[in-house]
Protein backbone atom coordinates (compact mmCIF):
# COMPACT_ATOMS: atom_id res chain seq x y z
CA MET A 1 39.02 14.35 35.20
CA LYS A 2 35.92 16.22 36.15
CA LYS A 3 35.92 18.18 32.90
CA ALA A 4 36.37 14.90 30.91
CA GLY A 5 33.38 13.33 32.77
CA LEU A 6 31.21 16.39 32.22
CA LEU A 7 32.10 16.37 28.52
CA ALA A 8 31.26 12.66 28.25
CA LEU A 9 27.93 13.30 30.00
CA VAL A 10 27.08 16.09 27.49
CA VAL A 11 27.98 13.93 24.57
CA MET A 12 25.86 11.05 25.90
CA ILE A 13 22.84 13.37 26.30
CA ALA A 14 23.29 14.78 22.87
CA VAL A 15 23.54 11.40 21.29
CA SER A 16 20.52 10.17 23.31
CA GLY A 17 18.39 13.05 22.00
CA PHE A 18 19.59 12.51 18.51
CA THR A 19 18.68 8.87 18.42
CA GLN A 20 15.43 9.11 20.34
CA LYS A 21 12.89 6.56 19.04
CA VAL A 22 9.24 5.59 19.62
CA THR A 23 7.97 2.04 18.80
CA VAL A 24 4.40 2.00 17.65
CA ALA A 25 2.10 -1.01 17.27
CA VAL A 26 -0.33 -0.16 14.41
CA ALA A 27 -3.55 -1.78 13.22
CA ALA A 28 -3.12 -2.99 9.60
CA ASN A 29 -5.78 -0.68 8.10
CA MET A 30 -3.69 2.23 9.34
CA GLN A 31 -0.46 1.30 7.67
CA TYR A 32 -0.95 3.63 4.66
CA ALA A 33 -1.96 6.63 6.74
CA MET A 34 0.83 5.76 9.17
CA ASN A 35 3.55 6.27 6.49
CA ALA A 36 2.38 9.79 6.06
CA LEU A 37 2.16 10.39 9.83
CA LYS A 38 5.50 8.91 10.47
CA THR A 39 7.17 11.13 7.76
CA LYS A 40 5.69 14.31 9.18
CA PHE A 41 6.32 13.48 12.76
CA GLU A 42 9.88 12.53 12.23
CA LYS A 43 10.56 15.72 10.19
CA GLN A 44 9.04 17.93 12.95
CA THR A 45 10.50 16.22 16.06
CA GLY A 46 13.61 14.23 14.93
CA ILE A 47 12.23 11.20 16.78
CA LYS A 48 12.64 8.04 14.85
CA THR A 49 9.37 6.02 14.57
CA GLU A 50 9.52 2.24 14.36
CA VAL A 51 6.23 0.80 13.11
CA ILE A 52 4.91 -2.71 13.90
CA ILE A 53 1.97 -3.62 11.68
CA GLY A 54 -0.61 -6.29 12.53
CA ALA A 55 -4.22 -7.27 13.38
CA SER A 56 -5.41 -5.34 16.42
CA GLY A 57 -6.11 -8.59 18.29
CA LYS A 58 -2.70 -10.04 17.47
CA LEU A 59 -0.99 -6.94 18.64
CA THR A 60 -2.97 -6.98 21.80
CA GLN A 61 -1.81 -10.46 22.48
CA GLN A 62 1.88 -9.55 21.86
CA ILE A 63 1.56 -6.61 24.22
CA GLN A 64 -0.01 -8.79 26.86
CA GLU A 65 3.04 -11.09 26.51
CA GLY A 66 5.48 -8.29 27.02
CA ALA A 67 6.25 -6.91 23.59
CA PRO A 68 8.21 -3.64 24.04
CA PHE A 69 5.83 -1.25 22.26
CA ASP A 70 5.38 2.36 23.37
CA VAL A 71 2.04 3.34 21.74
CA PHE A 72 -0.76 1.20 20.37
CA ILE A 73 -2.93 2.48 17.55
CA SER A 74 -5.89 0.05 17.32
CA ALA A 75 -8.67 -0.43 14.79
CA ASP A 76 -11.24 -0.34 17.56
CA THR A 77 -11.73 0.68 21.26
CA LYS A 78 -12.15 -2.92 22.58
CA TYR A 79 -8.56 -4.09 22.34
CA PRO A 80 -6.92 -1.02 23.83
CA GLN A 81 -9.56 -1.06 26.51
CA THR A 82 -8.62 -4.70 27.35
CA LEU A 83 -5.05 -3.55 27.87
CA CYS A 84 -6.26 -0.60 29.96
CA GLN A 85 -8.20 -2.88 32.26
CA ALA A 86 -5.10 -5.05 32.64
CA LYS A 87 -3.13 -1.97 33.66
CA LEU A 88 -0.90 -2.11 30.62
CA THR A 89 -1.61 1.49 29.52
CA SER A 90 -0.98 4.93 30.95
CA ASP A 91 -4.56 6.02 30.59
CA THR A 92 -7.92 5.09 28.98
CA PRO A 93 -8.05 4.78 25.13
CA LYS A 94 -8.92 7.78 23.08
CA VAL A 95 -10.66 7.70 19.60
CA TYR A 96 -8.61 9.31 16.83
CA ALA A 97 -10.86 8.40 13.83
CA LYS A 98 -13.70 6.25 12.46
CA GLY A 99 -12.95 3.56 9.94
CA VAL A 100 -14.86 3.15 6.67
CA LEU A 101 -15.33 -0.15 4.75
CA VAL A 102 -15.48 -0.72 0.99
CA LEU A 103 -16.04 -3.65 -1.26
CA TRP A 104 -13.06 -3.98 -3.65
CA THR A 105 -12.03 -6.12 -6.54
CA ALA A 106 -9.07 -6.25 -8.93
CA ARG A 107 -11.04 -8.17 -11.57
CA ASN A 108 -12.01 -5.97 -14.54
CA ASP A 109 -15.21 -7.97 -15.25
CA LEU A 110 -16.60 -7.29 -11.72
CA LYS A 111 -18.22 -4.06 -10.67
CA PRO A 112 -18.99 -3.70 -6.96
CA GLU A 113 -22.47 -2.55 -5.98
CA VAL A 114 -23.73 -1.05 -2.73
CA ASN A 115 -26.52 -3.77 -2.47
CA LEU A 116 -23.84 -6.56 -2.61
CA GLN A 117 -26.02 -8.75 -4.92
CA LEU A 118 -22.90 -9.17 -7.01
CA LEU A 119 -21.55 -11.51 -4.38
CA LEU A 120 -24.28 -14.09 -5.15
CA MET A 121 -23.06 -14.56 -8.70
CA ASP A 122 -21.57 -17.94 -9.73
CA ASN A 123 -18.42 -16.31 -10.96
CA VAL A 124 -17.68 -14.92 -7.55
CA LYS A 125 -16.23 -17.97 -5.78
CA LYS A 126 -14.02 -16.42 -3.04
CA ILE A 127 -14.77 -13.31 -0.94
CA ALA A 128 -11.95 -12.00 1.20
CA ILE A 129 -12.46 -10.54 4.66
CA ALA A 130 -10.08 -10.06 7.61
CA ASN A 131 -10.28 -12.52 10.45
CA PRO A 132 -13.19 -11.33 12.57
CA LYS A 133 -11.65 -12.89 15.73
CA THR A 134 -8.60 -10.56 15.61
CA ALA A 135 -9.38 -7.80 13.05
CA PRO A 136 -12.26 -5.32 13.70
CA TYR A 137 -12.66 -4.72 10.01
CA GLY A 138 -13.33 -8.42 9.60
CA LEU A 139 -15.96 -8.26 12.30
CA ALA A 140 -17.64 -5.29 10.51
CA ALA A 141 -17.58 -7.21 7.18
CA GLU A 142 -19.52 -10.02 8.84
CA GLU A 143 -22.02 -7.48 10.26
CA ILE A 144 -22.50 -6.12 6.78
CA LEU A 145 -23.20 -9.56 5.24
CA LYS A 146 -25.67 -10.23 8.11
CA TYR A 147 -27.31 -6.78 7.62
CA TYR A 148 -28.07 -7.66 3.97
CA LYS A 149 -29.08 -11.26 5.04
CA LEU A 150 -26.35 -12.78 2.94
CA TYR A 151 -24.00 -14.28 5.55
CA ASN A 152 -25.52 -17.79 5.65
CA THR A 153 -25.57 -17.98 1.88
CA LEU A 154 -22.16 -16.67 1.31
CA GLN A 155 -20.32 -18.14 4.31
CA LYS A 156 -18.80 -20.97 2.22
CA LYS A 157 -17.24 -18.42 -0.09
CA LEU A 158 -15.43 -16.47 2.64
CA VAL A 159 -11.62 -16.56 2.77
CA TYR A 160 -9.96 -15.05 5.87
CA GLY A 161 -6.92 -12.81 5.92
CA GLU A 162 -4.91 -12.57 9.10
CA SER A 163 -5.28 -8.86 8.85
CA ILE A 164 -6.38 -6.16 6.50
CA THR A 165 -2.95 -6.40 4.91
CA GLN A 166 -3.32 -10.01 3.95
CA THR A 167 -6.90 -9.47 2.82
CA ASN A 168 -5.71 -6.78 0.51
CA GLN A 169 -3.05 -9.23 -0.87
CA PHE A 170 -5.75 -11.74 -1.58
CA ILE A 171 -7.81 -9.14 -3.50
CA MET A 172 -4.90 -7.70 -5.42
CA SER A 173 -3.50 -11.10 -6.44
CA GLN A 174 -7.00 -12.22 -7.35
CA ALA A 175 -6.62 -15.16 -5.02
CA ALA A 176 -10.06 -13.78 -3.96
CA ASP A 177 -12.44 -12.46 -6.54
CA ILE A 178 -13.55 -9.59 -4.35
CA GLY A 179 -13.36 -8.53 -0.66
CA PHE A 180 -14.07 -6.14 2.07
CA THR A 181 -11.34 -3.76 3.09
CA ALA A 182 -10.59 -0.47 4.63
CA LYS A 183 -11.17 2.66 2.48
CA SER A 184 -7.72 3.84 3.49
CA ALA A 185 -6.27 0.91 1.35
CA VAL A 186 -7.91 1.89 -1.91
CA LEU A 187 -7.02 5.57 -1.41
CA SER A 188 -3.37 4.76 -0.70
CA ASP A 189 -0.65 5.48 -3.34
CA GLU A 190 0.02 1.74 -3.59
CA MET A 191 -3.54 0.76 -4.41
CA ARG A 192 -5.16 3.92 -5.91
CA GLY A 193 -6.65 3.36 -9.35
CA LYS A 194 -6.29 -0.46 -9.12
CA GLY A 195 -9.47 -2.41 -9.62
CA SER A 196 -12.86 -0.95 -8.61
CA TRP A 197 -14.58 -0.35 -5.27
CA VAL A 198 -17.70 0.94 -3.72
CA GLU A 199 -18.14 2.33 -0.18
CA ILE A 200 -20.41 0.34 2.01
CA GLU A 201 -23.38 2.13 3.56
CA HIS A 202 -22.48 3.08 7.14
CA LYS A 203 -25.90 1.89 8.45
CA ALA A 204 -24.84 -1.70 7.61
CA TYR A 205 -22.20 -1.89 10.29
CA HIS A 206 -21.37 -0.42 13.74
CA ASP A 207 -19.14 2.58 13.88
CA ILE A 208 -15.50 1.53 13.76
CA ASP A 209 -14.20 3.76 16.48
CA GLN A 210 -10.40 3.58 16.22
CA ALA A 211 -8.45 4.47 19.39
CA ALA A 212 -4.97 4.89 20.51
CA VAL A 213 -3.20 4.62 23.94
CA ILE A 214 0.25 4.99 25.40
CA LEU A 215 1.45 1.64 26.81
CA LYS A 216 2.95 0.91 30.14
CA HIS A 217 6.31 0.22 28.53
CA GLY A 218 6.26 3.55 26.70
CA ILE A 219 5.46 5.57 29.90
CA GLU A 220 7.98 3.72 31.95
CA THR A 221 10.98 3.60 29.54
CA ASN A 222 10.31 6.12 26.78
CA LYS A 223 7.92 8.72 28.24
CA GLU A 224 8.92 11.86 26.32
CA ALA A 225 8.98 10.35 22.84
CA SER A 226 5.87 8.36 23.56
CA GLU A 227 3.86 11.26 24.76
CA LYS A 228 4.94 13.44 21.83
CA PHE A 229 3.86 10.87 19.27
CA TYR A 230 0.62 10.27 21.06
CA THR A 231 -0.20 13.95 21.19
CA TYR A 232 0.63 14.25 17.46
CA LEU A 233 -1.97 11.59 16.65
CA TYR A 234 -4.67 14.09 17.74
CA SER A 235 -3.27 17.18 16.11
CA ALA A 236 -4.92 19.12 13.32
CA GLU A 237 -2.18 17.91 10.92
CA ALA A 238 -2.87 14.28 11.72
CA LYS A 239 -6.56 14.75 11.29
CA LYS A 240 -5.95 16.11 7.76
CA ILE A 241 -4.06 12.91 7.05
CA TYR A 242 -6.80 10.67 8.35
CA LYS A 243 -9.22 12.48 6.03
CA GLN A 244 -7.03 11.99 3.07
CA PHE A 245 -7.26 8.32 3.63
CA GLY A 246 -10.97 8.16 3.94
CA TYR A 247 -11.37 8.11 7.73
CA ILE A 248 -14.10 10.16 9.55
CA VAL A 249 -12.76 12.57 12.05
CA LYS A 250 -14.41 15.21 14.22
């Protein structure tokens, strides 16, 4: 009986290690880079990575309401800091990369320009941005319009995506004539070569410091896998992936 019990325990441990999983809440702008990170991480560790995509603000709300996420990869520092202050993280947030905005259109007759004067044209009726209340990239898009003193004039043209993902859908489907999105989107395999885009001058908006943090759920119920994934986010290999998708890394 003792031998049988020991054997069962060994089998349980083996199965547990084989099926180890980490659940990661990921800001929508990071979904394309995340695909590459996930593939490399799973290959190296054997740990399955479940990815939940959404606007940083929406994910924060879900975490506050008890969503069982292990790691949070935000599009800014504010939202993970909010969770830290509420004692829902294992430590303070740490920046992994800086985001970059572009102006992008799928229409062949429009050519985005750095000075944004194109947005004033009569044939540009809808401009897509992510919801600034929940998406840091949407907030940055508003900053850009205000920097160029265009916000008041163009406010009636703005259409809001719930996240960068929906904003991209508006642009690609031409439900919006043009829009502000993450550079990582236009450099992704899914979007590369579609439409035309221009990178916005960085002086027009505050740095988009994107930070990650291990959540309370991860440290309490899935410590090993959570820590391995979190550490990987700051590895040299991960930094190469961020650069490939247009992020700025140290």
